[in-house]
């Protein structure tokens, strides 16, 4: 799936709207169509590396959306469910954009 994301590539640089590709949800993962979110002061701290996160990064936390697809083993939510999100912190790896370590993995479509 292709979508757009606001990505910060370098310390202190502005966000760039960039096309990204995300995979279908794997076991234990959920694909959510993000309806609303915001950039908060903690995201700006991360953008400027006062709160160190691996760059490039898609920042933002606290939002709402609709479940589009669920991976194997997800039984407590299903496509069409409205969801609230918190602590959305992504880091880039070779397979795409994944949530930071220690939190449930959620792929997010920004379309």
PDB file of N, CA and C in Angstrom:
ATOM      1  N   UNK A   1       0.844  -1.158   0.000  1.00  0.00           N
ATOM      2  CA  UNK A   1       0.000   0.000   0.000  1.00  0.00           C
ATOM      3  C   UNK A   1       0.898   1.232   0.000  1.00  0.00           C
ATOM      4  N   UNK A   2       0.529   2.224  -0.799  1.00  0.00           N
ATOM      5  CA  UNK A   2       1.260   3.479  -0.804  1.00  0.00           C
ATOM      6  C   UNK A   2       0.405   4.559  -0.164  1.00  0.00           C
ATOM      7  N   UNK A   3       1.068   5.457   0.550  1.00  0.00           N
ATOM      8  CA  UNK A   3       0.384   6.557   1.215  1.00  0.00           C
ATOM      9  C   UNK A   3       1.368   7.702   1.378  1.00  0.00           C
ATOM     10  N   UNK A   4       0.955   8.760   2.001  1.00  0.00           N
ATOM     11  CA  UNK A   4       1.829   9.897   2.259  1.00  0.00           C
ATOM     12  C   UNK A   4       2.046  10.038   3.758  1.00  0.00           C
ATOM     13  N   UNK A   5       3.223  10.543   4.112  1.00  0.00           N
ATOM     14  CA  UNK A   5       3.543  10.782   5.518  1.00  0.00           C
ATOM     15  C   UNK A   5       4.384  12.041   5.627  1.00  0.00           C
ATOM     16  N   UNK A   6       4.237  12.733   6.744  1.00  0.00           N
ATOM     17  CA  UNK A   6       5.093  13.876   7.051  1.00  0.00           C
ATOM     18  C   UNK A   6       6.318  13.327   7.769  1.00  0.00           C
ATOM     19  N   UNK A   7       7.460  13.395   7.106  1.00  0.00           N
ATOM     20  CA  UNK A   7       8.678  12.776   7.623  1.00  0.00           C
ATOM     21  C   UNK A   7       9.706  13.852   7.941  1.00  0.00           C
ATOM     22  N   UNK A   8      10.379  13.704   9.075  1.00  0.00           N
ATOM     23  CA  UNK A   8      11.539  14.531   9.374  1.00  0.00           C
ATOM     24  C   UNK A   8      12.779  13.678   9.101  1.00  0.00           C
ATOM     25  N   UNK A   9      13.612  14.153   8.174  1.00  0.00           N
ATOM     26  CA  UNK A   9      14.778  13.388   7.742  1.00  0.00           C
ATOM     27  C   UNK A   9      16.042  13.738   8.516  1.00  0.00           C
ATOM     28  N   UNK A  10      16.170  15.001   8.929  1.00  0.00           N
ATOM     29  CA  UNK A  10      17.409  15.469   9.558  1.00  0.00           C
ATOM     30  C   UNK A  10      17.084  16.313  10.779  1.00  0.00           C
ATOM     31  N   UNK A  11      17.988  16.356  11.703  1.00  0.00           N
ATOM     32  CA  UNK A  11      17.852  17.119  12.940  1.00  0.00           C
ATOM     33  C   UNK A  11      17.428  18.563  12.652  1.00  0.00           C
ATOM     34  N   UNK A  12      16.248  18.942  13.157  1.00  0.00           N
ATOM     35  CA  UNK A  12      15.770  20.307  13.053  1.00  0.00           C
ATOM     36  C   UNK A  12      15.197  20.722  11.718  1.00  0.00           C
ATOM     37  N   UNK A  13      15.225  19.841  10.723  1.00  0.00           N
ATOM     38  CA  UNK A  13      14.710  20.190   9.405  1.00  0.00           C
ATOM     39  C   UNK A  13      13.177  20.110   9.392  1.00  0.00           C
ATOM     40  N   UNK A  14      12.542  20.876   8.514  1.00  0.00           N
ATOM     41  CA  UNK A  14      11.071  20.823   8.426  1.00  0.00           C
ATOM     42  C   UNK A  14      10.586  19.439   7.997  1.00  0.00           C
ATOM     43  N   UNK A  15       9.349  19.144   8.323  1.00  0.00           N
ATOM     44  CA  UNK A  15       8.727  17.906   7.860  1.00  0.00           C
ATOM     45  C   UNK A  15       8.531  17.990   6.348  1.00  0.00           C
ATOM     46  N   UNK A  16       8.678  16.848   5.671  1.00  0.00           N
ATOM     47  CA  UNK A  16       8.430  16.766   4.237  1.00  0.00           C
ATOM     48  C   UNK A  16       7.312  15.751   3.998  1.00  0.00           C
ATOM     49  N   UNK A  17       6.333  16.138   3.185  1.00  0.00           N
ATOM     50  CA  UNK A  17       5.276  15.195   2.804  1.00  0.00           C
ATOM     51  C   UNK A  17       5.871  14.291   1.742  1.00  0.00           C
ATOM     52  N   UNK A  18       5.938  12.994   2.063  1.00  0.00           N
ATOM     53  CA  UNK A  18       6.647  12.024   1.239  1.00  0.00           C
ATOM     54  C   UNK A  18       5.785  10.793   1.014  1.00  0.00           C
ATOM     55  N   UNK A  19       5.843  10.240  -0.195  1.00  0.00           N
ATOM     56  CA  UNK A  19       5.185   8.974  -0.490  1.00  0.00           C
ATOM     57  C   UNK A  19       5.951   7.851   0.216  1.00  0.00           C
ATOM     58  N   UNK A  20       5.234   6.980   0.901  1.00  0.00           N
ATOM     59  CA  UNK A  20       5.853   5.813   1.528  1.00  0.00           C
ATOM     60  C   UNK A  20       5.052   4.576   1.158  1.00  0.00           C
ATOM     61  N   UNK A  21       5.698   3.438   1.257  1.00  0.00           N
ATOM     62  CA  UNK A  21       5.034   2.163   1.017  1.00  0.00           C
ATOM     63  C   UNK A  21       4.985   1.406   2.330  1.00  0.00           C
ATOM     64  N   UNK A  22       3.826   0.879   2.670  1.00  0.00           N
ATOM     65  CA  UNK A  22       3.695   0.063   3.875  1.00  0.00           C
ATOM     66  C   UNK A  22       3.158  -1.302   3.490  1.00  0.00           C
ATOM     67  N   UNK A  23       3.562  -2.300   4.229  1.00  0.00           N
ATOM     68  CA  UNK A  23       3.134  -3.671   3.986  1.00  0.00           C
ATOM     69  C   UNK A  23       1.760  -3.925   4.581  1.00  0.00           C
ATOM     70  N   UNK A  24       1.170  -5.016   4.163  1.00  0.00           N
ATOM     71  CA  UNK A  24      -0.050  -5.498   4.804  1.00  0.00           C
ATOM     72  C   UNK A  24       0.298  -5.838   6.251  1.00  0.00           C
ATOM     73  N   UNK A  25      -0.683  -5.738   7.163  1.00  0.00           N
ATOM     74  CA  UNK A  25      -0.373  -6.069   8.561  1.00  0.00           C
ATOM     75  C   UNK A  25       0.038  -7.531   8.721  1.00  0.00           C
ATOM     76  N   UNK A  26       1.071  -7.716   9.493  1.00  0.00           N
ATOM     77  CA  UNK A  26       1.539  -9.063   9.819  1.00  0.00           C
ATOM     78  C   UNK A  26       0.837  -9.533  11.092  1.00  0.00           C
ATOM     79  N   UNK A  27       1.162 -10.716  11.548  1.00  0.00           N
ATOM     80  CA  UNK A  27       0.573 -11.254  12.774  1.00  0.00           C
ATOM     81  C   UNK A  27       0.786 -10.269  13.921  1.00  0.00           C
ATOM     82  N   UNK A  28      -0.284  -9.957  14.623  1.00  0.00           N
ATOM     83  CA  UNK A  28      -0.209  -9.065  15.760  1.00  0.00           C
ATOM     84  C   UNK A  28      -0.234  -7.586  15.415  1.00  0.00           C
ATOM     85  N   UNK A  29      -0.407  -7.255  14.138  1.00  0.00           N
ATOM     86  CA  UNK A  29      -0.406  -5.865  13.707  1.00  0.00           C
ATOM     87  C   UNK A  29      -1.791  -5.447  13.210  1.00  0.00           C
ATOM     88  N   UNK A  30      -1.998  -4.119  13.152  1.00  0.00           N
ATOM     89  CA  UNK A  30      -3.276  -3.551  12.740  1.00  0.00           C
ATOM     90  C   UNK A  30      -3.006  -2.420  11.757  1.00  0.00           C
ATOM     91  N   UNK A  31      -3.779  -2.341  10.680  1.00  0.00           N
ATOM     92  CA  UNK A  31      -3.714  -1.225   9.747  1.00  0.00           C
ATOM     93  C   UNK A  31      -4.877  -0.293  10.061  1.00  0.00           C
ATOM     94  N   UNK A  32      -4.553   0.974  10.305  1.00  0.00           N
ATOM     95  CA  UNK A  32      -5.557   1.957  10.694  1.00  0.00           C
ATOM     96  C   UNK A  32      -5.537   3.117   9.709  1.00  0.00           C
ATOM     97  N   UNK A  33      -6.709   3.519   9.235  1.00  0.00           N
ATOM     98  CA  UNK A  33      -6.830   4.747   8.445  1.00  0.00           C
ATOM     99  C   UNK A  33      -6.936   5.887   9.437  1.00  0.00           C
ATOM    100  N   UNK A  34      -5.906   6.687   9.479  1.00  0.00           N
ATOM    101  CA  UNK A  34      -5.840   7.782  10.440  1.00  0.00           C
ATOM    102  C   UNK A  34      -6.763   8.907   9.980  1.00  0.00           C
ATOM    103  N   UNK A  35      -7.665   9.311  10.861  1.00  0.00           N
ATOM    104  CA  UNK A  35      -8.632  10.359  10.549  1.00  0.00           C
ATOM    105  C   UNK A  35      -8.162  11.702  11.097  1.00  0.00           C
ATOM    106  N   UNK A  36      -7.530  11.692  12.256  1.00  0.00           N
ATOM    107  CA  UNK A  36      -7.037  12.939  12.837  1.00  0.00           C
ATOM    108  C   UNK A  36      -5.895  12.684  13.785  1.00  0.00           C
ATOM    109  N   UNK A  37      -4.930  13.605  13.783  1.00  0.00           N
ATOM    110  CA  UNK A  37      -3.799  13.548  14.702  1.00  0.00           C
ATOM    111  C   UNK A  37      -3.223  14.949  14.815  1.00  0.00           C
ATOM    112  N   UNK A  38      -2.203  15.085  15.586  1.00  0.00           N
ATOM    113  CA  UNK A  38      -1.563  16.382  15.729  1.00  0.00           C
ATOM    114  C   UNK A  38      -0.084  16.224  15.962  1.00  0.00           C
ATOM    115  N   UNK A  39       0.622  17.318  15.787  1.00  0.00           N
ATOM    116  CA  UNK A  39       2.040  17.387  16.136  1.00  0.00           C
ATOM    117  C   UNK A  39       2.106  18.185  17.437  1.00  0.00           C
ATOM    118  N   UNK A  40       2.695  17.604  18.459  1.00  0.00           N
ATOM    119  CA  UNK A  40       2.742  18.215  19.779  1.00  0.00           C
ATOM    120  C   UNK A  40       4.172  18.626  20.115  1.00  0.00           C
ATOM    121  N   UNK A  41       4.341  19.311  21.237  1.00  0.00           N
ATOM    122  CA  UNK A  41       5.672  19.797  21.607  1.00  0.00           C
ATOM    123  C   UNK A  41       6.688  18.663  21.723  1.00  0.00           C
ATOM    124  N   UNK A  42       6.248  17.493  22.168  1.00  0.00           N
ATOM    125  CA  UNK A  42       7.191  16.379  22.279  1.00  0.00           C
ATOM    126  C   UNK A  42       7.649  15.909  20.898  1.00  0.00           C
ATOM    127  N   UNK A  43       6.800  16.046  19.888  1.00  0.00           N
ATOM    128  CA  UNK A  43       7.199  15.696  18.524  1.00  0.00           C
ATOM    129  C   UNK A  43       8.237  16.684  18.007  1.00  0.00           C
ATOM    130  N   UNK A  44       8.066  17.957  18.324  1.00  0.00           N
ATOM    131  CA  UNK A  44       9.040  18.969  17.918  1.00  0.00           C
ATOM    132  C   UNK A  44      10.369  18.726  18.642  1.00  0.00           C
ATOM    133  N   UNK A  45      10.309  18.323  19.909  1.00  0.00           N
ATOM    134  CA  UNK A  45      11.545  17.972  20.627  1.00  0.00           C
ATOM    135  C   UNK A  45      12.252  16.810  19.939  1.00  0.00           C
ATOM    136  N   UNK A  46      11.473  15.820  19.481  1.00  0.00           N
ATOM    137  CA  UNK A  46      12.066  14.686  18.768  1.00  0.00           C
ATOM    138  C   UNK A  46      12.615  15.134  17.414  1.00  0.00           C
ATOM    139  N   UNK A  47      11.893  15.989  16.734  1.00  0.00           N
ATOM    140  CA  UNK A  47      12.352  16.505  15.441  1.00  0.00           C
ATOM    141  C   UNK A  47      13.704  17.203  15.594  1.00  0.00           C
ATOM    142  N   UNK A  48      13.880  17.926  16.683  1.00  0.00           N
ATOM    143  CA  UNK A  48      15.118  18.663  16.940  1.00  0.00           C
ATOM    144  C   UNK A  48      16.129  17.861  17.745  1.00  0.00           C
ATOM    145  N   UNK A  49      15.825  16.574  17.988  1.00  0.00           N
ATOM    146  CA  UNK A  49      16.702  15.635  18.666  1.00  0.00           C
ATOM    147  C   UNK A  49      16.971  15.963  20.125  1.00  0.00           C
ATOM    148  N   UNK A  50      16.151  16.834  20.744  1.00  0.00           N
ATOM    149  CA  UNK A  50      16.221  17.019  22.197  1.00  0.00           C
ATOM    150  C   UNK A  50      15.715  15.749  22.870  1.00  0.00           C
ATOM    151  N   UNK A  51      14.829  15.051  22.198  1.00  0.00           N
ATOM    152  CA  UNK A  51      14.364  13.721  22.586  1.00  0.00           C
ATOM    153  C   UNK A  51      14.833  12.815  21.453  1.00  0.00           C
ATOM    154  N   UNK A  52      15.944  12.095  21.651  1.00  0.00           N
ATOM    155  CA  UNK A  52      16.558  11.385  20.534  1.00  0.00           C
ATOM    156  C   UNK A  52      15.711  10.229  20.011  1.00  0.00           C
ATOM    157  N   UNK A  53      15.409  10.289  18.735  1.00  0.00           N
ATOM    158  CA  UNK A  53      14.748   9.199  18.026  1.00  0.00           C
ATOM    159  C   UNK A  53      15.536   8.961  16.746  1.00  0.00           C
ATOM    160  N   UNK A  54      15.513   7.738  16.240  1.00  0.00           N
ATOM    161  CA  UNK A  54      16.208   7.476  14.972  1.00  0.00           C
ATOM    162  C   UNK A  54      15.539   8.263  13.847  1.00  0.00           C
ATOM    163  N   UNK A  55      16.343   8.887  13.007  1.00  0.00           N
ATOM    164  CA  UNK A  55      15.831   9.610  11.849  1.00  0.00           C
ATOM    165  C   UNK A  55      16.217   8.853  10.589  1.00  0.00           C
ATOM    166  N   UNK A  56      15.402   8.882   9.542  1.00  0.00           N
ATOM    167  CA  UNK A  56      14.166   9.653   9.406  1.00  0.00           C
ATOM    168  C   UNK A  56      13.053   9.069  10.262  1.00  0.00           C
ATOM    169  N   UNK A  57      12.060   9.917  10.578  1.00  0.00           N
ATOM    170  CA  UNK A  57      10.967   9.484  11.443  1.00  0.00           C
ATOM    171  C   UNK A  57       9.657  10.125  11.013  1.00  0.00           C
ATOM    172  N   UNK A  58       8.582   9.378  11.222  1.00  0.00           N
ATOM    173  CA  UNK A  58       7.223   9.900  11.112  1.00  0.00           C
ATOM    174  C   UNK A  58       6.782  10.119  12.551  1.00  0.00           C
ATOM    175  N   UNK A  59       6.600  11.377  12.931  1.00  0.00           N
ATOM    176  CA  UNK A  59       6.266  11.692  14.313  1.00  0.00           C
ATOM    177  C   UNK A  59       4.782  12.017  14.437  1.00  0.00           C
ATOM    178  N   UNK A  60       4.317  12.047  15.647  1.00  0.00           N
ATOM    179  CA  UNK A  60       2.921  12.346  15.935  1.00  0.00           C
ATOM    180  C   UNK A  60       2.423  11.348  16.960  1.00  0.00           C
ATOM    181  N   UNK A  61       1.524  11.764  17.770  1.00  0.00           N
ATOM    182  CA  UNK A  61       0.916  10.857  18.721  1.00  0.00           C
ATOM    183  C   UNK A  61      -0.456  11.396  19.070  1.00  0.00           C
ATOM    184  N   UNK A  62      -1.260  10.562  19.620  1.00  0.00           N
ATOM    185  CA  UNK A  62      -2.650  10.865  19.929  1.00  0.00           C
ATOM    186  C   UNK A  62      -3.409  11.162  18.644  1.00  0.00           C
ATOM    187  N   UNK A  63      -4.280  10.269  18.308  1.00  0.00           N
ATOM    188  CA  UNK A  63      -5.062  10.444  17.103  1.00  0.00           C
ATOM    189  C   UNK A  63      -6.253   9.516  17.132  1.00  0.00           C
ATOM    190  N   UNK A  64      -7.005   9.574  16.079  1.00  0.00           N
ATOM    191  CA  UNK A  64      -8.163   8.707  15.949  1.00  0.00           C
ATOM    192  C   UNK A  64      -8.243   8.187  14.527  1.00  0.00           C
ATOM    193  N   UNK A  65      -8.798   7.007  14.389  1.00  0.00           N
ATOM    194  CA  UNK A  65      -8.911   6.423  13.062  1.00  0.00           C
ATOM    195  C   UNK A  65      -9.874   5.268  13.038  1.00  0.00           C
ATOM    196  N   UNK A  66      -9.851   4.584  11.910  1.00  0.00           N
ATOM    197  CA  UNK A  66     -10.735   3.441  11.679  1.00  0.00           C
ATOM    198  C   UNK A  66      -9.867   2.248  11.296  1.00  0.00           C
ATOM    199  N   UNK A  67     -10.125   1.112  11.917  1.00  0.00           N
ATOM    200  CA  UNK A  67      -9.393  -0.108  11.594  1.00  0.00           C
ATOM    201  C   UNK A  67      -9.732  -0.514  10.165  1.00  0.00           C
ATOM    202  N   UNK A  68      -8.700  -0.674   9.335  1.00  0.00           N
ATOM    203  CA  UNK A  68      -8.879  -1.115   7.954  1.00  0.00           C
ATOM    204  C   UNK A  68      -8.683  -2.621   7.828  1.00  0.00           C
ATOM    205  N   UNK A  69      -7.586  -3.130   8.416  1.00  0.00           N
ATOM    206  CA  UNK A  69      -7.265  -4.554   8.341  1.00  0.00           C
ATOM    207  C   UNK A  69      -6.585  -4.972   9.630  1.00  0.00           C
ATOM    208  N   UNK A  70      -6.709  -6.248   9.968  1.00  0.00           N
ATOM    209  CA  UNK A  70      -6.008  -6.779  11.137  1.00  0.00           C
ATOM    210  C   UNK A  70      -5.168  -7.974  10.713  1.00  0.00           C
ATOM    211  N   UNK A  71      -4.039  -8.128  11.388  1.00  0.00           N
ATOM    212  CA  UNK A  71      -3.182  -9.272  11.140  1.00  0.00           C
ATOM    213  C   UNK A  71      -3.653 -10.485  11.928  1.00  0.00           C
ATOM    214  N   UNK A  72      -3.053 -11.599  11.615  1.00  0.00           N
ATOM    215  CA  UNK A  72      -3.352 -12.856  12.289  1.00  0.00           C
ATOM    216  C   UNK A  72      -3.193 -12.715  13.792  1.00  0.00           C
ATOM    217  N   UNK A  73      -4.143 -13.241  14.540  1.00  0.00           N
ATOM    218  CA  UNK A  73      -4.055 -13.230  15.995  1.00  0.00           C
ATOM    219  C   UNK A  73      -4.728 -12.037  16.652  1.00  0.00           C
ATOM    220  N   UNK A  74      -5.138 -11.039  15.884  1.00  0.00           N
ATOM    221  CA  UNK A  74      -5.850  -9.890  16.453  1.00  0.00           C
ATOM    222  C   UNK A  74      -7.324 -10.266  16.557  1.00  0.00           C
ATOM    223  N   UNK A  75      -7.838 -10.288  17.784  1.00  0.00           N
ATOM    224  CA  UNK A  75      -9.230 -10.714  17.984  1.00  0.00           C
ATOM    225  C   UNK A  75     -10.075  -9.682  18.715  1.00  0.00           C
ATOM    226  N   UNK A  76      -9.448  -8.669  19.306  1.00  0.00           N
ATOM    227  CA  UNK A  76     -10.206  -7.722  20.127  1.00  0.00           C
ATOM    228  C   UNK A  76     -10.716  -6.515  19.343  1.00  0.00           C
ATOM    229  N   UNK A  77     -10.252  -6.336  18.100  1.00  0.00           N
ATOM    230  CA  UNK A  77     -10.786  -5.294  17.225  1.00  0.00           C
ATOM    231  C   UNK A  77     -10.921  -5.877  15.829  1.00  0.00           C
ATOM    232  N   UNK A  78     -11.733  -5.213  14.998  1.00  0.00           N
ATOM    233  CA  UNK A  78     -11.950  -5.716  13.647  1.00  0.00           C
ATOM    234  C   UNK A  78     -12.128  -4.533  12.692  1.00  0.00           C
ATOM    235  N   UNK A  79     -11.994  -4.784  11.387  1.00  0.00           N
ATOM    236  CA  UNK A  79     -12.176  -3.705  10.415  1.00  0.00           C
ATOM    237  C   UNK A  79     -13.502  -2.974  10.633  1.00  0.00           C
ATOM    238  N   UNK A  80     -13.412  -1.654  10.550  1.00  0.00           N
ATOM    239  CA  UNK A  80     -14.581  -0.808  10.763  1.00  0.00           C
ATOM    240  C   UNK A  80     -14.666  -0.223  12.152  1.00  0.00           C
ATOM    241  N   UNK A  81     -13.918  -0.777  13.113  1.00  0.00           N
ATOM    242  CA  UNK A  81     -13.923  -0.243  14.476  1.00  0.00           C
ATOM    243  C   UNK A  81     -13.243   1.122  14.523  1.00  0.00           C
ATOM    244  N   UNK A  82     -13.836   2.050  15.262  1.00  0.00           N
ATOM    245  CA  UNK A  82     -13.196   3.330  15.547  1.00  0.00           C
ATOM    246  C   UNK A  82     -12.192   3.119  16.671  1.00  0.00           C
ATOM    247  N   UNK A  83     -11.019   3.737  16.549  1.00  0.00           N
ATOM    248  CA  UNK A  83      -9.981   3.573  17.569  1.00  0.00           C
ATOM    249  C   UNK A  83      -9.336   4.910  17.899  1.00  0.00           C
ATOM    250  N   UNK A  84      -8.892   5.040  19.137  1.00  0.00           N
ATOM    251  CA  UNK A  84      -8.073   6.158  19.580  1.00  0.00           C
ATOM    252  C   UNK A  84      -6.655   5.647  19.734  1.00  0.00           C
ATOM    253  N   UNK A  85      -5.696   6.467  19.356  1.00  0.00           N
ATOM    254  CA  UNK A  85      -4.297   6.057  19.389  1.00  0.00           C
ATOM    255  C   UNK A  85      -3.505   6.973  20.298  1.00  0.00           C
ATOM    256  N   UNK A  86      -2.478   6.411  20.912  1.00  0.00           N
ATOM    257  CA  UNK A  86      -1.565   7.194  21.727  1.00  0.00           C
ATOM    258  C   UNK A  86      -0.171   6.632  21.518  1.00  0.00           C
ATOM    259  N   UNK A  87       0.830   7.478  21.641  1.00  0.00           N
ATOM    260  CA  UNK A  87       2.235   7.117  21.510  1.00  0.00           C
ATOM    261  C   UNK A  87       2.520   6.471  20.158  1.00  0.00           C
ATOM    262  N   UNK A  88       2.328   7.258  19.114  1.00  0.00           N
ATOM    263  CA  UNK A  88       2.668   6.809  17.769  1.00  0.00           C
ATOM    264  C   UNK A  88       4.056   7.333  17.461  1.00  0.00           C
ATOM    265  N   UNK A  89       5.048   6.486  17.596  1.00  0.00           N
ATOM    266  CA  UNK A  89       6.424   6.890  17.337  1.00  0.00           C
ATOM    267  C   UNK A  89       7.048   5.856  16.417  1.00  0.00           C
ATOM    268  N   UNK A  90       7.391   6.260  15.229  1.00  0.00           N
ATOM    269  CA  UNK A  90       7.869   5.333  14.223  1.00  0.00           C
ATOM    270  C   UNK A  90       9.370   5.436  14.058  1.00  0.00           C
ATOM    271  N   UNK A  91       9.978   4.340  13.684  1.00  0.00           N
ATOM    272  CA  UNK A  91      11.347   4.390  13.225  1.00  0.00           C
ATOM    273  C   UNK A  91      11.408   3.620  11.912  1.00  0.00           C
ATOM    274  N   UNK A  92      12.295   4.039  11.054  1.00  0.00           N
ATOM    275  CA  UNK A  92      12.386   3.435   9.739  1.00  0.00           C
ATOM    276  C   UNK A  92      13.352   2.255   9.795  1.00  0.00           C
ATOM    277  N   UNK A  93      12.955   1.193   9.131  1.00  0.00           N
ATOM    278  CA  UNK A  93      13.883   0.085   8.955  1.00  0.00           C
ATOM    279  C   UNK A  93      13.786  -0.386   7.504  1.00  0.00           C
ATOM    280  N   UNK A  94      14.456  -1.448   7.164  1.00  0.00           N
ATOM    281  CA  UNK A  94      14.493  -1.896   5.776  1.00  0.00           C
ATOM    282  C   UNK A  94      13.125  -2.325   5.264  1.00  0.00           C
ATOM    283  N   UNK A  95      12.217  -2.685   6.142  1.00  0.00           N
ATOM    284  CA  UNK A  95      10.902  -3.158   5.730  1.00  0.00           C
ATOM    285  C   UNK A  95       9.855  -2.061   5.709  1.00  0.00           C
ATOM    286  N   UNK A  96      10.196  -0.841   6.058  1.00  0.00           N
ATOM    287  CA  UNK A  96       9.210   0.232   6.038  1.00  0.00           C
ATOM    288  C   UNK A  96       9.210   0.978   7.347  1.00  0.00           C
ATOM    289  N   UNK A  97       8.048   1.431   7.764  1.00  0.00           N
ATOM    290  CA  UNK A  97       7.917   2.239   8.959  1.00  0.00           C
ATOM    291  C   UNK A  97       7.225   1.421  10.034  1.00  0.00           C
ATOM    292  N   UNK A  98       7.905   1.226  11.140  1.00  0.00           N
ATOM    293  CA  UNK A  98       7.387   0.415  12.234  1.00  0.00           C
ATOM    294  C   UNK A  98       7.366   1.245  13.500  1.00  0.00           C
ATOM    295  N   UNK A  99       6.497   0.876  14.401  1.00  0.00           N
ATOM    296  CA  UNK A  99       6.452   1.591  15.676  1.00  0.00           C
ATOM    297  C   UNK A  99       7.704   1.334  16.479  1.00  0.00           C
ATOM    298  N   UNK A 100       7.987   2.255  17.368  1.00  0.00           N
ATOM    299  CA  UNK A 100       9.143   2.133  18.249  1.00  0.00           C
ATOM    300  C   UNK A 100       9.066   0.891  19.115  1.00  0.00           C
ATOM    301  N   UNK A 101      10.190   0.472  19.594  1.00  0.00           N
ATOM    302  CA  UNK A 101      10.294  -0.723  20.407  1.00  0.00           C
ATOM    303  C   UNK A 101       9.489  -0.580  21.693  1.00  0.00           C
ATOM    304  N   UNK A 102       8.835  -1.643  22.120  1.00  0.00           N
ATOM    305  CA  UNK A 102       8.145  -1.647  23.400  1.00  0.00           C
ATOM    306  C   UNK A 102       6.698  -1.207  23.371  1.00  0.00           C
ATOM    307  N   UNK A 103       6.181  -0.897  22.182  1.00  0.00           N
ATOM    308  CA  UNK A 103       4.761  -0.548  22.062  1.00  0.00           C
ATOM    309  C   UNK A 103       4.146  -1.408  20.970  1.00  0.00           C
ATOM    310  N   UNK A 104       2.827  -1.611  21.008  1.00  0.00           N
ATOM    311  CA  UNK A 104       2.200  -2.434  19.970  1.00  0.00           C
ATOM    312  C   UNK A 104       2.509  -1.877  18.590  1.00  0.00           C
ATOM    313  N   UNK A 105       2.740  -2.750  17.618  1.00  0.00           N
ATOM    314  CA  UNK A 105       3.047  -2.280  16.288  1.00  0.00           C
ATOM    315  C   UNK A 105       1.766  -1.957  15.542  1.00  0.00           C
ATOM    316  N   UNK A 106       1.722  -0.766  14.964  1.00  0.00           N
ATOM    317  CA  UNK A 106       0.566  -0.306  14.218  1.00  0.00           C
ATOM    318  C   UNK A 106       1.048   0.358  12.948  1.00  0.00           C
ATOM    319  N   UNK A 107       0.576  -0.127  11.817  1.00  0.00           N
ATOM    320  CA  UNK A 107       0.836   0.550  10.549  1.00  0.00           C
ATOM    321  C   UNK A 107      -0.308   1.550  10.353  1.00  0.00           C
ATOM    322  N   UNK A 108       0.007   2.708   9.866  1.00  0.00           N
ATOM    323  CA  UNK A 108      -1.012   3.750   9.739  1.00  0.00           C
ATOM    324  C   UNK A 108      -1.044   4.275   8.320  1.00  0.00           C
ATOM    325  N   UNK A 109      -2.220   4.265   7.728  1.00  0.00           N
ATOM    326  CA  UNK A 109      -2.423   4.876   6.418  1.00  0.00           C
ATOM    327  C   UNK A 109      -2.867   6.309   6.634  1.00  0.00           C
ATOM    328  N   UNK A 110      -2.200   7.237   5.988  1.00  0.00           N
ATOM    329  CA  UNK A 110      -2.561   8.649   6.150  1.00  0.00           C
ATOM    330  C   UNK A 110      -3.486   9.129   5.041  1.00  0.00           C
ATOM    331  N   UNK A 111      -3.993   8.224   4.228  1.00  0.00           N
ATOM    332  CA  UNK A 111      -4.870   8.641   3.130  1.00  0.00           C
ATOM    333  C   UNK A 111      -6.305   8.818   3.588  1.00  0.00           C
TER     334      UNK A 111
END
